[in-house]
C-alpha cells in the first residue's frame, strides 16, 4: 500500500515542474530494494492524477537493480537473494551502490503553441 504515498509524491513533483502544462509522461526510477509493485503504482497514480494536468500522463517505471560493493576487497555484485555477504571474501561489510533510488527521472509536457507573427 506504500504505492499510494509514492504515487502522491510523484504527482506533486510532476505538477510542480510542469508549470500548469498538461503532462504526457512521468518517468520514475525505483530501486529494487524499494519493493515498488509496478501495477499498483500505476493504479494509484491514475487515481491521484484525476482532474490534474497529469490525468492522461503515461507513468513509466524504470527498476534499478540492486548492486553491492564489498568495502574490504572492492568486489561488486548484484545479489540474487537478499544476502549481504561478499561472494569473494565472505565479509558482510558492504555498501549498497544502487537499488535504493526512488525519484522522478523526467517528465514530458505538452508544448504550448505560440502564434507566429510575420513581420509586416
PDB file of N, CA and C in Angstrom:
ATOM      1  N   UNK A   1       0.826  -1.195   0.000  1.00  0.00           N
ATOM      2  CA  UNK A   1       0.000   0.000   0.000  1.00  0.00           C
ATOM      3  C   UNK A   1       0.867   1.254   0.000  1.00  0.00           C
ATOM      4  N   UNK A   2       2.184   1.124   0.189  1.00  0.00           N
ATOM      5  CA  UNK A   2       3.016   2.320   0.172  1.00  0.00           C
ATOM      6  C   UNK A   2       3.064   2.952  -1.214  1.00  0.00           C
ATOM      7  N   UNK A   3       2.547   2.253  -2.236  1.00  0.00           N
ATOM      8  CA  UNK A   3       2.500   2.814  -3.580  1.00  0.00           C
ATOM      9  C   UNK A   3       1.588   4.039  -3.656  1.00  0.00           C
ATOM     10  N   UNK A   4       0.561   4.110  -2.801  1.00  0.00           N
ATOM     11  CA  UNK A   4      -0.314   5.283  -2.788  1.00  0.00           C
ATOM     12  C   UNK A   4       0.471   6.530  -2.383  1.00  0.00           C
ATOM     13  N   UNK A   5       1.276   6.436  -1.345  1.00  0.00           N
ATOM     14  CA  UNK A   5       2.060   7.603  -0.929  1.00  0.00           C
ATOM     15  C   UNK A   5       3.141   7.936  -1.962  1.00  0.00           C
ATOM     16  N   UNK A   6       3.698   6.930  -2.602  1.00  0.00           N
ATOM     17  CA  UNK A   6       4.680   7.175  -3.660  1.00  0.00           C
ATOM     18  C   UNK A   6       4.010   7.869  -4.838  1.00  0.00           C
ATOM     19  N   UNK A   7       2.835   7.377  -5.239  1.00  0.00           N
ATOM     20  CA  UNK A   7       2.103   7.991  -6.354  1.00  0.00           C
ATOM     21  C   UNK A   7       1.772   9.448  -6.056  1.00  0.00           C
ATOM     22  N   UNK A   8       1.381   9.740  -4.832  1.00  0.00           N
ATOM     23  CA  UNK A   8       1.066  11.120  -4.444  1.00  0.00           C
ATOM     24  C   UNK A   8       2.303  12.013  -4.524  1.00  0.00           C
ATOM     25  N   UNK A   9       3.442  11.505  -4.065  1.00  0.00           N
ATOM     26  CA  UNK A   9       4.688  12.277  -4.111  1.00  0.00           C
ATOM     27  C   UNK A   9       5.149  12.485  -5.551  1.00  0.00           C
ATOM     28  N   UNK A  10       5.009  11.466  -6.381  1.00  0.00           N
ATOM     29  CA  UNK A  10       5.374  11.579  -7.797  1.00  0.00           C
ATOM     30  C   UNK A  10       4.497  12.639  -8.469  1.00  0.00           C
ATOM     31  N   UNK A  11       3.206  12.602  -8.183  1.00  0.00           N
ATOM     32  CA  UNK A  11       2.286  13.582  -8.757  1.00  0.00           C
ATOM     33  C   UNK A  11       2.671  14.998  -8.345  1.00  0.00           C
ATOM     34  N   UNK A  12       2.932  15.201  -7.059  1.00  0.00           N
ATOM     35  CA  UNK A  12       3.322  16.531  -6.570  1.00  0.00           C
ATOM     36  C   UNK A  12       4.574  17.041  -7.284  1.00  0.00           C
ATOM     37  N   UNK A  13       5.548  16.167  -7.463  1.00  0.00           N
ATOM     38  CA  UNK A  13       6.787  16.556  -8.142  1.00  0.00           C
ATOM     39  C   UNK A  13       6.520  16.914  -9.597  1.00  0.00           C
ATOM     40  N   UNK A  14       5.751  16.087 -10.278  1.00  0.00           N
ATOM     41  CA  UNK A  14       5.451  16.350 -11.692  1.00  0.00           C
ATOM     42  C   UNK A  14       4.685  17.654 -11.854  1.00  0.00           C
ATOM     43  N   UNK A  15       3.704  17.889 -11.023  1.00  0.00           N
ATOM     44  CA  UNK A  15       2.906  19.119 -11.124  1.00  0.00           C
ATOM     45  C   UNK A  15       3.758  20.351 -10.846  1.00  0.00           C
ATOM     46  N   UNK A  16       4.631  20.255  -9.877  1.00  0.00           N
ATOM     47  CA  UNK A  16       5.491  21.386  -9.523  1.00  0.00           C
ATOM     48  C   UNK A  16       6.382  21.786 -10.707  1.00  0.00           C
ATOM     49  N   UNK A  17       6.858  20.812 -11.458  1.00  0.00           N
ATOM     50  CA  UNK A  17       7.765  21.097 -12.569  1.00  0.00           C
ATOM     51  C   UNK A  17       7.046  21.346 -13.894  1.00  0.00           C
ATOM     52  N   UNK A  18       5.784  20.965 -13.990  1.00  0.00           N
ATOM     53  CA  UNK A  18       5.038  21.128 -15.241  1.00  0.00           C
ATOM     54  C   UNK A  18       4.572  22.561 -15.461  1.00  0.00           C
ATOM     55  N   UNK A  19       4.483  23.335 -14.415  1.00  0.00           N
ATOM     56  CA  UNK A  19       4.072  24.721 -14.563  1.00  0.00           C
ATOM     57  C   UNK A  19       2.689  24.890 -15.146  1.00  0.00           C
ATOM     58  N   UNK A  20       1.778  23.994 -14.816  1.00  0.00           N
ATOM     59  CA  UNK A  20       0.401  24.092 -15.294  1.00  0.00           C
ATOM     60  C   UNK A  20       0.155  23.495 -16.667  1.00  0.00           C
ATOM     61  N   UNK A  21       1.218  23.101 -17.357  1.00  0.00           N
ATOM     62  CA  UNK A  21       1.054  22.492 -18.684  1.00  0.00           C
ATOM     63  C   UNK A  21       0.629  21.036 -18.548  1.00  0.00           C
ATOM     64  N   UNK A  22      -0.131  20.513 -19.511  1.00  0.00           N
ATOM     65  CA  UNK A  22      -0.514  19.107 -19.476  1.00  0.00           C
ATOM     66  C   UNK A  22       0.711  18.194 -19.554  1.00  0.00           C
ATOM     67  N   UNK A  23       0.760  17.205 -18.698  1.00  0.00           N
ATOM     68  CA  UNK A  23       1.876  16.258 -18.644  1.00  0.00           C
ATOM     69  C   UNK A  23       1.506  15.027 -19.462  1.00  0.00           C
ATOM     70  N   UNK A  24       2.425  14.602 -20.337  1.00  0.00           N
ATOM     71  CA  UNK A  24       2.169  13.420 -21.156  1.00  0.00           C
ATOM     72  C   UNK A  24       2.870  12.172 -20.619  1.00  0.00           C
ATOM     73  N   UNK A  25       4.018  12.358 -19.959  1.00  0.00           N
ATOM     74  CA  UNK A  25       4.787  11.222 -19.447  1.00  0.00           C
ATOM     75  C   UNK A  25       5.462  11.604 -18.135  1.00  0.00           C
ATOM     76  N   UNK A  26       5.426  10.666 -17.197  1.00  0.00           N
ATOM     77  CA  UNK A  26       6.184  10.798 -15.953  1.00  0.00           C
ATOM     78  C   UNK A  26       7.012   9.528 -15.832  1.00  0.00           C
ATOM     79  N   UNK A  27       8.328   9.688 -15.741  1.00  0.00           N
ATOM     80  CA  UNK A  27       9.221   8.535 -15.627  1.00  0.00           C
ATOM     81  C   UNK A  27       9.812   8.498 -14.219  1.00  0.00           C
ATOM     82  N   UNK A  28       9.676   7.346 -13.577  1.00  0.00           N
ATOM     83  CA  UNK A  28      10.145   7.159 -12.205  1.00  0.00           C
ATOM     84  C   UNK A  28      11.211   6.069 -12.186  1.00  0.00           C
ATOM     85  N   UNK A  29      12.318   6.338 -11.513  1.00  0.00           N
ATOM     86  CA  UNK A  29      13.360   5.327 -11.282  1.00  0.00           C
ATOM     87  C   UNK A  29      13.182   4.813  -9.857  1.00  0.00           C
ATOM     88  N   UNK A  30      12.982   3.502  -9.736  1.00  0.00           N
ATOM     89  CA  UNK A  30      12.780   2.899  -8.424  1.00  0.00           C
ATOM     90  C   UNK A  30      13.751   1.739  -8.249  1.00  0.00           C
ATOM     91  N   UNK A  31      14.547   1.812  -7.201  1.00  0.00           N
ATOM     92  CA  UNK A  31      15.482   0.737  -6.901  1.00  0.00           C
ATOM     93  C   UNK A  31      14.747  -0.519  -6.457  1.00  0.00           C
ATOM     94  N   UNK A  32      15.315  -1.662  -6.778  1.00  0.00           N
ATOM     95  CA  UNK A  32      14.693  -2.947  -6.440  1.00  0.00           C
ATOM     96  C   UNK A  32      14.457  -3.097  -4.940  1.00  0.00           C
ATOM     97  N   UNK A  33      15.314  -2.468  -4.131  1.00  0.00           N
ATOM     98  CA  UNK A  33      15.158  -2.587  -2.681  1.00  0.00           C
ATOM     99  C   UNK A  33      13.953  -1.805  -2.162  1.00  0.00           C
ATOM    100  N   UNK A  34      13.391  -0.920  -2.978  1.00  0.00           N
ATOM    101  CA  UNK A  34      12.193  -0.154  -2.585  1.00  0.00           C
ATOM    102  C   UNK A  34      10.935  -0.996  -2.663  1.00  0.00           C
ATOM    103  N   UNK A  35      11.014  -2.126  -3.351  1.00  0.00           N
ATOM    104  CA  UNK A  35       9.916  -3.077  -3.469  1.00  0.00           C
ATOM    105  C   UNK A  35       8.626  -2.420  -3.950  1.00  0.00           C
ATOM    106  N   UNK A  36       8.742  -1.617  -5.005  1.00  0.00           N
ATOM    107  CA  UNK A  36       7.580  -0.980  -5.606  1.00  0.00           C
ATOM    108  C   UNK A  36       6.925  -1.976  -6.555  1.00  0.00           C
ATOM    109  N   UNK A  37       5.619  -2.152  -6.421  1.00  0.00           N
ATOM    110  CA  UNK A  37       4.859  -3.030  -7.303  1.00  0.00           C
ATOM    111  C   UNK A  37       4.369  -2.170  -8.475  1.00  0.00           C
ATOM    112  N   UNK A  38       4.904  -2.389  -9.682  1.00  0.00           N
ATOM    113  CA  UNK A  38       4.593  -1.511 -10.814  1.00  0.00           C
ATOM    114  C   UNK A  38       3.101  -1.315 -11.079  1.00  0.00           C
ATOM    115  N   UNK A  39       2.336  -2.386 -11.146  1.00  0.00           N
ATOM    116  CA  UNK A  39       0.895  -2.248 -11.446  1.00  0.00           C
ATOM    117  C   UNK A  39       0.168  -1.479 -10.351  1.00  0.00           C
ATOM    118  N   UNK A  40       0.575  -1.682  -9.133  1.00  0.00           N
ATOM    119  CA  UNK A  40      -0.042  -0.968  -8.016  1.00  0.00           C
ATOM    120  C   UNK A  40       0.280   0.521  -8.097  1.00  0.00           C
ATOM    121  N   UNK A  41       1.523   0.859  -8.411  1.00  0.00           N
ATOM    122  CA  UNK A  41       1.906   2.260  -8.544  1.00  0.00           C
ATOM    123  C   UNK A  41       1.137   2.916  -9.688  1.00  0.00           C
ATOM    124  N   UNK A  42       1.026   2.233 -10.817  1.00  0.00           N
ATOM    125  CA  UNK A  42       0.266   2.769 -11.953  1.00  0.00           C
ATOM    126  C   UNK A  42      -1.193   3.001 -11.566  1.00  0.00           C
ATOM    127  N   UNK A  43      -1.786   2.054 -10.878  1.00  0.00           N
ATOM    128  CA  UNK A  43      -3.178   2.161 -10.445  1.00  0.00           C
ATOM    129  C   UNK A  43      -3.378   3.391  -9.563  1.00  0.00           C
ATOM    130  N   UNK A  44      -2.548   3.535  -8.545  1.00  0.00           N
ATOM    131  CA  UNK A  44      -2.691   4.665  -7.632  1.00  0.00           C
ATOM    132  C   UNK A  44      -2.361   5.994  -8.314  1.00  0.00           C
ATOM    133  N   UNK A  45      -1.411   5.981  -9.243  1.00  0.00           N
ATOM    134  CA  UNK A  45      -1.093   7.212  -9.950  1.00  0.00           C
ATOM    135  C   UNK A  45      -2.295   7.693 -10.756  1.00  0.00           C
ATOM    136  N   UNK A  46      -2.982   6.767 -11.414  1.00  0.00           N
ATOM    137  CA  UNK A  46      -4.178   7.143 -12.178  1.00  0.00           C
ATOM    138  C   UNK A  46      -5.240   7.754 -11.267  1.00  0.00           C
ATOM    139  N   UNK A  47      -5.353   7.244 -10.065  1.00  0.00           N
ATOM    140  CA  UNK A  47      -6.353   7.764  -9.129  1.00  0.00           C
ATOM    141  C   UNK A  47      -5.981   9.161  -8.650  1.00  0.00           C
ATOM    142  N   UNK A  48      -4.749   9.342  -8.181  1.00  0.00           N
ATOM    143  CA  UNK A  48      -4.366  10.646  -7.625  1.00  0.00           C
ATOM    144  C   UNK A  48      -4.209  11.713  -8.705  1.00  0.00           C
ATOM    145  N   UNK A  49      -4.008  11.304  -9.966  1.00  0.00           N
ATOM    146  CA  UNK A  49      -3.807  12.260 -11.051  1.00  0.00           C
ATOM    147  C   UNK A  49      -5.119  12.775 -11.650  1.00  0.00           C
ATOM    148  N   UNK A  50      -6.242  12.199 -11.243  1.00  0.00           N
ATOM    149  CA  UNK A  50      -7.530  12.653 -11.787  1.00  0.00           C
ATOM    150  C   UNK A  50      -7.718  14.142 -11.563  1.00  0.00           C
ATOM    151  N   UNK A  51      -8.267  14.790 -12.596  1.00  0.00           N
ATOM    152  CA  UNK A  51      -8.573  16.222 -12.556  1.00  0.00           C
ATOM    153  C   UNK A  51      -7.341  17.091 -12.328  1.00  0.00           C
ATOM    154  N   UNK A  52      -6.178  16.626 -12.768  1.00  0.00           N
ATOM    155  CA  UNK A  52      -4.945  17.416 -12.698  1.00  0.00           C
ATOM    156  C   UNK A  52      -4.326  17.426 -14.099  1.00  0.00           C
ATOM    157  N   UNK A  53      -3.326  18.253 -14.337  1.00  0.00           N
ATOM    158  CA  UNK A  53      -2.632  18.224 -15.638  1.00  0.00           C
ATOM    159  C   UNK A  53      -1.935  16.890 -15.928  1.00  0.00           C
ATOM    160  N   UNK A  54      -1.862  15.998 -14.951  1.00  0.00           N
ATOM    161  CA  UNK A  54      -1.244  14.674 -15.155  1.00  0.00           C
ATOM    162  C   UNK A  54      -2.272  13.578 -15.434  1.00  0.00           C
ATOM    163  N   UNK A  55      -3.522  13.954 -15.571  1.00  0.00           N
ATOM    164  CA  UNK A  55      -4.590  12.952 -15.669  1.00  0.00           C
ATOM    165  C   UNK A  55      -4.363  11.919 -16.770  1.00  0.00           C
ATOM    166  N   UNK A  56      -3.915  12.329 -17.922  1.00  0.00           N
ATOM    167  CA  UNK A  56      -3.718  11.390 -19.034  1.00  0.00           C
ATOM    168  C   UNK A  56      -2.262  10.992 -19.232  1.00  0.00           C
ATOM    169  N   UNK A  57      -1.424  11.289 -18.265  1.00  0.00           N
ATOM    170  CA  UNK A  57       0.008  11.002 -18.398  1.00  0.00           C
ATOM    171  C   UNK A  57       0.295   9.512 -18.310  1.00  0.00           C
ATOM    172  N   UNK A  58       1.262   9.083 -19.087  1.00  0.00           N
ATOM    173  CA  UNK A  58       1.769   7.713 -19.007  1.00  0.00           C
ATOM    174  C   UNK A  58       2.801   7.676 -17.888  1.00  0.00           C
ATOM    175  N   UNK A  59       2.696   6.684 -17.022  1.00  0.00           N
ATOM    176  CA  UNK A  59       3.681   6.504 -15.960  1.00  0.00           C
ATOM    177  C   UNK A  59       4.644   5.409 -16.396  1.00  0.00           C
ATOM    178  N   UNK A  60       5.915   5.770 -16.513  1.00  0.00           N
ATOM    179  CA  UNK A  60       6.955   4.792 -16.866  1.00  0.00           C
ATOM    180  C   UNK A  60       7.773   4.515 -15.617  1.00  0.00           C
ATOM    181  N   UNK A  61       8.001   3.249 -15.360  1.00  0.00           N
ATOM    182  CA  UNK A  61       8.765   2.861 -14.181  1.00  0.00           C
ATOM    183  C   UNK A  61      10.020   2.120 -14.629  1.00  0.00           C
ATOM    184  N   UNK A  62      11.160   2.650 -14.242  1.00  0.00           N
ATOM    185  CA  UNK A  62      12.439   2.003 -14.522  1.00  0.00           C
ATOM    186  C   UNK A  62      12.915   1.394 -13.209  1.00  0.00           C
ATOM    187  N   UNK A  63      13.030   0.066 -13.187  1.00  0.00           N
ATOM    188  CA  UNK A  63      13.506  -0.597 -11.971  1.00  0.00           C
ATOM    189  C   UNK A  63      15.032  -0.681 -12.019  1.00  0.00           C
ATOM    190  N   UNK A  64      15.666  -0.137 -10.998  1.00  0.00           N
ATOM    191  CA  UNK A  64      17.126  -0.144 -10.896  1.00  0.00           C
ATOM    192  C   UNK A  64      17.530  -1.346 -10.050  1.00  0.00           C
ATOM    193  N   UNK A  65      18.327  -2.250 -10.610  1.00  0.00           N
ATOM    194  CA  UNK A  65      18.716  -3.446  -9.848  1.00  0.00           C
ATOM    195  C   UNK A  65      19.625  -3.086  -8.668  1.00  0.00           C
ATOM    196  N   UNK A  66      19.605  -3.945  -7.684  1.00  0.00           N
ATOM    197  CA  UNK A  66      20.469  -3.759  -6.518  1.00  0.00           C
ATOM    198  C   UNK A  66      21.891  -4.170  -6.867  1.00  0.00           C
ATOM    199  N   UNK A  67      22.830  -3.341  -6.478  1.00  0.00           N
ATOM    200  CA  UNK A  67      24.236  -3.682  -6.641  1.00  0.00           C
ATOM    201  C   UNK A  67      24.952  -3.354  -5.334  1.00  0.00           C
ATOM    202  N   UNK A  68      25.800  -4.271  -4.911  1.00  0.00           N
ATOM    203  CA  UNK A  68      26.555  -4.117  -3.671  1.00  0.00           C
ATOM    204  C   UNK A  68      28.044  -4.077  -3.980  1.00  0.00           C
ATOM    205  N   UNK A  69      28.808  -3.466  -3.057  1.00  0.00           N
ATOM    206  CA  UNK A  69      30.266  -3.449  -3.185  1.00  0.00           C
ATOM    207  C   UNK A  69      30.864  -3.760  -1.822  1.00  0.00           C
ATOM    208  N   UNK A  70      31.793  -4.672  -1.804  1.00  0.00           N
ATOM    209  CA  UNK A  70      32.483  -5.060  -0.576  1.00  0.00           C
ATOM    210  C   UNK A  70      33.517  -3.985  -0.234  1.00  0.00           C
ATOM    211  N   UNK A  71      33.485  -3.498   0.984  1.00  0.00           N
ATOM    212  CA  UNK A  71      34.463  -2.483   1.406  1.00  0.00           C
ATOM    213  C   UNK A  71      35.873  -3.074   1.538  1.00  0.00           C
ATOM    214  N   UNK A  72      35.951  -4.362   1.844  1.00  0.00           N
ATOM    215  CA  UNK A  72      37.256  -4.991   2.075  1.00  0.00           C
ATOM    216  C   UNK A  72      37.998  -5.295   0.775  1.00  0.00           C
ATOM    217  N   UNK A  73      37.332  -5.950  -0.165  1.00  0.00           N
ATOM    218  CA  UNK A  73      38.037  -6.393  -1.373  1.00  0.00           C
ATOM    219  C   UNK A  73      37.577  -5.681  -2.647  1.00  0.00           C
ATOM    220  N   UNK A  74      36.616  -4.748  -2.512  1.00  0.00           N
ATOM    221  CA  UNK A  74      36.124  -3.934  -3.628  1.00  0.00           C
ATOM    222  C   UNK A  74      35.353  -4.726  -4.689  1.00  0.00           C
ATOM    223  N   UNK A  75      34.954  -5.941  -4.395  1.00  0.00           N
ATOM    224  CA  UNK A  75      34.144  -6.709  -5.331  1.00  0.00           C
ATOM    225  C   UNK A  75      32.744  -6.103  -5.404  1.00  0.00           C
ATOM    226  N   UNK A  76      32.208  -5.997  -6.622  1.00  0.00           N
ATOM    227  CA  UNK A  76      30.831  -5.529  -6.824  1.00  0.00           C
ATOM    228  C   UNK A  76      30.008  -6.675  -7.381  1.00  0.00           C
ATOM    229  N   UNK A  77      28.744  -6.758  -6.973  1.00  0.00           N
ATOM    230  CA  UNK A  77      27.864  -7.813  -7.469  1.00  0.00           C
ATOM    231  C   UNK A  77      26.403  -7.415  -7.270  1.00  0.00           C
ATOM    232  N   UNK A  78      25.541  -8.097  -8.012  1.00  0.00           N
ATOM    233  CA  UNK A  78      24.098  -7.946  -7.872  1.00  0.00           C
ATOM    234  C   UNK A  78      23.581  -9.206  -7.195  1.00  0.00           C
ATOM    235  N   UNK A  79      23.076  -9.075  -5.979  1.00  0.00           N
ATOM    236  CA  UNK A  79      22.612 -10.273  -5.268  1.00  0.00           C
ATOM    237  C   UNK A  79      21.338 -10.835  -5.891  1.00  0.00           C
ATOM    238  N   UNK A  80      21.263 -12.145  -5.955  1.00  0.00           N
ATOM    239  CA  UNK A  80      20.053 -12.793  -6.474  1.00  0.00           C
ATOM    240  C   UNK A  80      19.111 -13.160  -5.335  1.00  0.00           C
ATOM    241  N   UNK A  81      19.641 -13.210  -4.136  1.00  0.00           N
ATOM    242  CA  UNK A  81      18.843 -13.426  -2.930  1.00  0.00           C
ATOM    243  C   UNK A  81      19.230 -12.338  -1.942  1.00  0.00           C
ATOM    244  N   UNK A  82      18.391 -12.054  -0.976  1.00  0.00           N
ATOM    245  CA  UNK A  82      18.746 -10.981  -0.029  1.00  0.00           C
ATOM    246  C   UNK A  82      19.859 -11.393   0.933  1.00  0.00           C
ATOM    247  N   UNK A  83      21.050 -11.604   0.388  1.00  0.00           N
ATOM    248  CA  UNK A  83      22.222 -11.936   1.195  1.00  0.00           C
ATOM    249  C   UNK A  83      23.244 -10.822   1.001  1.00  0.00           C
ATOM    250  N   UNK A  84      23.787 -10.347   2.084  1.00  0.00           N
ATOM    251  CA  UNK A  84      24.697  -9.217   2.013  1.00  0.00           C
ATOM    252  C   UNK A  84      26.108  -9.596   2.432  1.00  0.00           C
ATOM    253  N   UNK A  85      26.569 -10.744   1.957  1.00  0.00           N
ATOM    254  CA  UNK A  85      27.949 -11.183   2.179  1.00  0.00           C
ATOM    255  C   UNK A  85      28.645 -11.213   0.835  1.00  0.00           C
ATOM    256  N   UNK A  86      29.867 -10.756   0.842  1.00  0.00           N
ATOM    257  CA  UNK A  86      30.658 -10.719  -0.381  1.00  0.00           C
ATOM    258  C   UNK A  86      30.859 -12.139  -0.919  1.00  0.00           C
ATOM    259  N   UNK A  87      30.592 -12.358  -2.201  1.00  0.00           N
ATOM    260  CA  UNK A  87      30.787 -13.702  -2.758  1.00  0.00           C
ATOM    261  C   UNK A  87      32.264 -14.073  -2.908  1.00  0.00           C
ATOM    262  N   UNK A  88      33.143 -13.086  -2.808  1.00  0.00           N
ATOM    263  CA  UNK A  88      34.584 -13.350  -2.967  1.00  0.00           C
ATOM    264  C   UNK A  88      35.272 -13.616  -1.634  1.00  0.00           C
ATOM    265  N   UNK A  89      35.034 -12.727  -0.622  1.00  0.00           N
ATOM    266  CA  UNK A  89      35.762 -12.872   0.647  1.00  0.00           C
ATOM    267  C   UNK A  89      34.837 -13.199   1.830  1.00  0.00           C
ATOM    268  N   UNK A  90      33.537 -13.253   1.590  1.00  0.00           N
ATOM    269  CA  UNK A  90      32.516 -13.623   2.581  1.00  0.00           C
ATOM    270  C   UNK A  90      32.310 -12.603   3.700  1.00  0.00           C
ATOM    271  N   UNK A  91      32.876 -11.425   3.581  1.00  0.00           N
ATOM    272  CA  UNK A  91      32.660 -10.386   4.594  1.00  0.00           C
ATOM    273  C   UNK A  91      31.298  -9.742   4.384  1.00  0.00           C
ATOM    274  N   UNK A  92      30.761  -9.206   5.470  1.00  0.00           N
ATOM    275  CA  UNK A  92      29.441  -8.572   5.423  1.00  0.00           C
ATOM    276  C   UNK A  92      29.521  -7.050   5.446  1.00  0.00           C
ATOM    277  N   UNK A  93      30.708  -6.490   5.343  1.00  0.00           N
ATOM    278  CA  UNK A  93      30.883  -5.044   5.339  1.00  0.00           C
ATOM    279  C   UNK A  93      30.728  -4.550   3.903  1.00  0.00           C
ATOM    280  N   UNK A  94      29.476  -4.317   3.494  1.00  0.00           N
ATOM    281  CA  UNK A  94      29.191  -3.960   2.119  1.00  0.00           C
ATOM    282  C   UNK A  94      28.500  -2.601   2.041  1.00  0.00           C
ATOM    283  N   UNK A  95      28.586  -2.010   0.855  1.00  0.00           N
ATOM    284  CA  UNK A  95      27.933  -0.745   0.557  1.00  0.00           C
ATOM    285  C   UNK A  95      26.905  -1.012  -0.532  1.00  0.00           C
ATOM    286  N   UNK A  96      25.715  -0.475  -0.372  1.00  0.00           N
ATOM    287  CA  UNK A  96      24.706  -0.577  -1.419  1.00  0.00           C
ATOM    288  C   UNK A  96      24.980   0.557  -2.398  1.00  0.00           C
ATOM    289  N   UNK A  97      25.365   0.223  -3.632  1.00  0.00           N
ATOM    290  CA  UNK A  97      25.705   1.263  -4.603  1.00  0.00           C
ATOM    291  C   UNK A  97      24.522   1.634  -5.484  1.00  0.00           C
ATOM    292  N   UNK A  98      23.620   0.713  -5.753  1.00  0.00           N
ATOM    293  CA  UNK A  98      22.371   1.016  -6.459  1.00  0.00           C
ATOM    294  C   UNK A  98      21.280   0.121  -5.897  1.00  0.00           C
ATOM    295  N   UNK A  99      20.052   0.559  -6.100  1.00  0.00           N
ATOM    296  CA  UNK A  99      18.908  -0.248  -5.673  1.00  0.00           C
ATOM    297  C   UNK A  99      18.026   0.428  -4.650  1.00  0.00           C
ATOM    298  N   UNK A 100      18.455   1.587  -4.136  1.00  0.00           N
ATOM    299  CA  UNK A 100      17.641   2.305  -3.154  1.00  0.00           C
ATOM    300  C   UNK A 100      16.998   3.564  -3.748  1.00  0.00           C
ATOM    301  N   UNK A 101      17.200   3.808  -5.032  1.00  0.00           N
ATOM    302  CA  UNK A 101      16.673   5.016  -5.660  1.00  0.00           C
ATOM    303  C   UNK A 101      15.144   5.041  -5.634  1.00  0.00           C
ATOM    304  N   UNK A 102      14.611   6.229  -5.548  1.00  0.00           N
ATOM    305  CA  UNK A 102      13.188   6.459  -5.742  1.00  0.00           C
ATOM    306  C   UNK A 102      13.062   7.926  -6.125  1.00  0.00           C
ATOM    307  N   UNK A 103      12.962   8.161  -7.440  1.00  0.00           N
ATOM    308  CA  UNK A 103      12.994   9.538  -7.916  1.00  0.00           C
ATOM    309  C   UNK A 103      12.247   9.688  -9.232  1.00  0.00           C
ATOM    310  N   UNK A 104      11.733  10.881  -9.450  1.00  0.00           N
ATOM    311  CA  UNK A 104      11.174  11.207 -10.753  1.00  0.00           C
ATOM    312  C   UNK A 104      12.369  11.521 -11.641  1.00  0.00           C
ATOM    313  N   UNK A 105      12.554  10.721 -12.671  1.00  0.00           N
ATOM    314  CA  UNK A 105      13.692  10.887 -13.573  1.00  0.00           C
ATOM    315  C   UNK A 105      13.438  12.047 -14.534  1.00  0.00           C
ATOM    316  N   UNK A 106      12.257  12.059 -15.144  1.00  0.00           N
ATOM    317  CA  UNK A 106      11.900  13.152 -16.047  1.00  0.00           C
ATOM    318  C   UNK A 106      10.393  13.188 -16.237  1.00  0.00           C
ATOM    319  N   UNK A 107       9.926  14.333 -16.734  1.00  0.00           N
ATOM    320  CA  UNK A 107       8.535  14.451 -17.156  1.00  0.00           C
ATOM    321  C   UNK A 107       8.535  15.030 -18.565  1.00  0.00           C
ATOM    322  N   UNK A 108       7.504  14.695 -19.313  1.00  0.00           N
ATOM    323  CA  UNK A 108       7.303  15.293 -20.625  1.00  0.00           C
ATOM    324  C   UNK A 108       5.993  16.049 -20.569  1.00  0.00           C
ATOM    325  N   UNK A 109       6.007  17.269 -21.078  1.00  0.00           N
ATOM    326  CA  UNK A 109       4.810  18.105 -21.070  1.00  0.00           C
ATOM    327  C   UNK A 109       4.466  18.505 -22.484  1.00  0.00           C
ATOM    328  N   UNK A 110       3.187  18.858 -22.680  1.00  0.00           N
ATOM    329  CA  UNK A 110       2.777  19.358 -23.982  1.00  0.00           C
ATOM    330  C   UNK A 110       3.327  20.761 -24.151  1.00  0.00           C
ATOM    331  N   UNK A 111       3.867  21.001 -25.301  1.00  0.00           N
ATOM    332  CA  UNK A 111       4.430  22.309 -25.594  1.00  0.00           C
ATOM    333  C   UNK A 111       3.302  23.266 -25.941  1.00  0.00           C
ATOM    334  N   UNK A 112       3.334  24.445 -25.371  1.00  0.00           N
ATOM    335  CA  UNK A 112       2.346  25.457 -25.684  1.00  0.00           C
ATOM    336  C   UNK A 112       2.627  25.982 -27.084  1.00  0.00           C
ATOM    337  N   UNK A 113       1.557  26.111 -27.862  1.00  0.00           N
ATOM    338  CA  UNK A 113       1.717  26.671 -29.192  1.00  0.00           C
ATOM    339  C   UNK A 113       1.743  28.180 -29.085  1.00  0.00           C
ATOM    340  N   UNK A 114       2.690  28.759 -29.767  1.00  0.00           N
ATOM    341  CA  UNK A 114       2.773  30.209 -29.771  1.00  0.00           C
ATOM    342  C   UNK A 114       2.435  30.707 -31.167  1.00  0.00           C
ATOM    343  N   UNK A 115       1.773  31.825 -31.216  1.00  0.00           N
ATOM    344  CA  UNK A 115       1.391  32.391 -32.508  1.00  0.00           C
ATOM    345  C   UNK A 115       2.622  32.927 -33.202  1.00  0.00           C
ATOM    346  N   UNK A 116       2.731  32.631 -34.459  1.00  0.00           N
ATOM    347  CA  UNK A 116       3.833  33.131 -35.252  1.00  0.00           C
ATOM    348  C   UNK A 116       3.336  34.361 -36.000  1.00  0.00           C
ATOM    349  N   UNK A 117       3.954  35.459 -35.693  1.00  0.00           N
ATOM    350  CA  UNK A 117       3.536  36.704 -36.324  1.00  0.00           C
ATOM    351  C   UNK A 117       4.622  37.130 -37.303  1.00  0.00           C
ATOM    352  N   UNK A 118       4.222  37.178 -38.555  1.00  0.00           N
ATOM    353  CA  UNK A 118       5.186  37.562 -39.614  1.00  0.00           C
ATOM    354  C   UNK A 118       5.437  39.056 -39.556  1.00  0.00           C
ATOM    355  N   UNK A 119       6.678  39.443 -39.771  1.00  0.00           N
ATOM    356  CA  UNK A 119       6.958  40.887 -39.778  1.00  0.00           C
ATOM    357  C   UNK A 119       6.172  41.568 -40.898  1.00  0.00           C
ATOM    358  N   UNK A 120       5.671  42.715 -40.587  1.00  0.00           N
ATOM    359  CA  UNK A 120       4.780  43.363 -41.547  1.00  0.00           C
ATOM    360  C   UNK A 120       5.328  44.466 -42.239  1.00  0.00           C
TER     361      UNK A 120
END
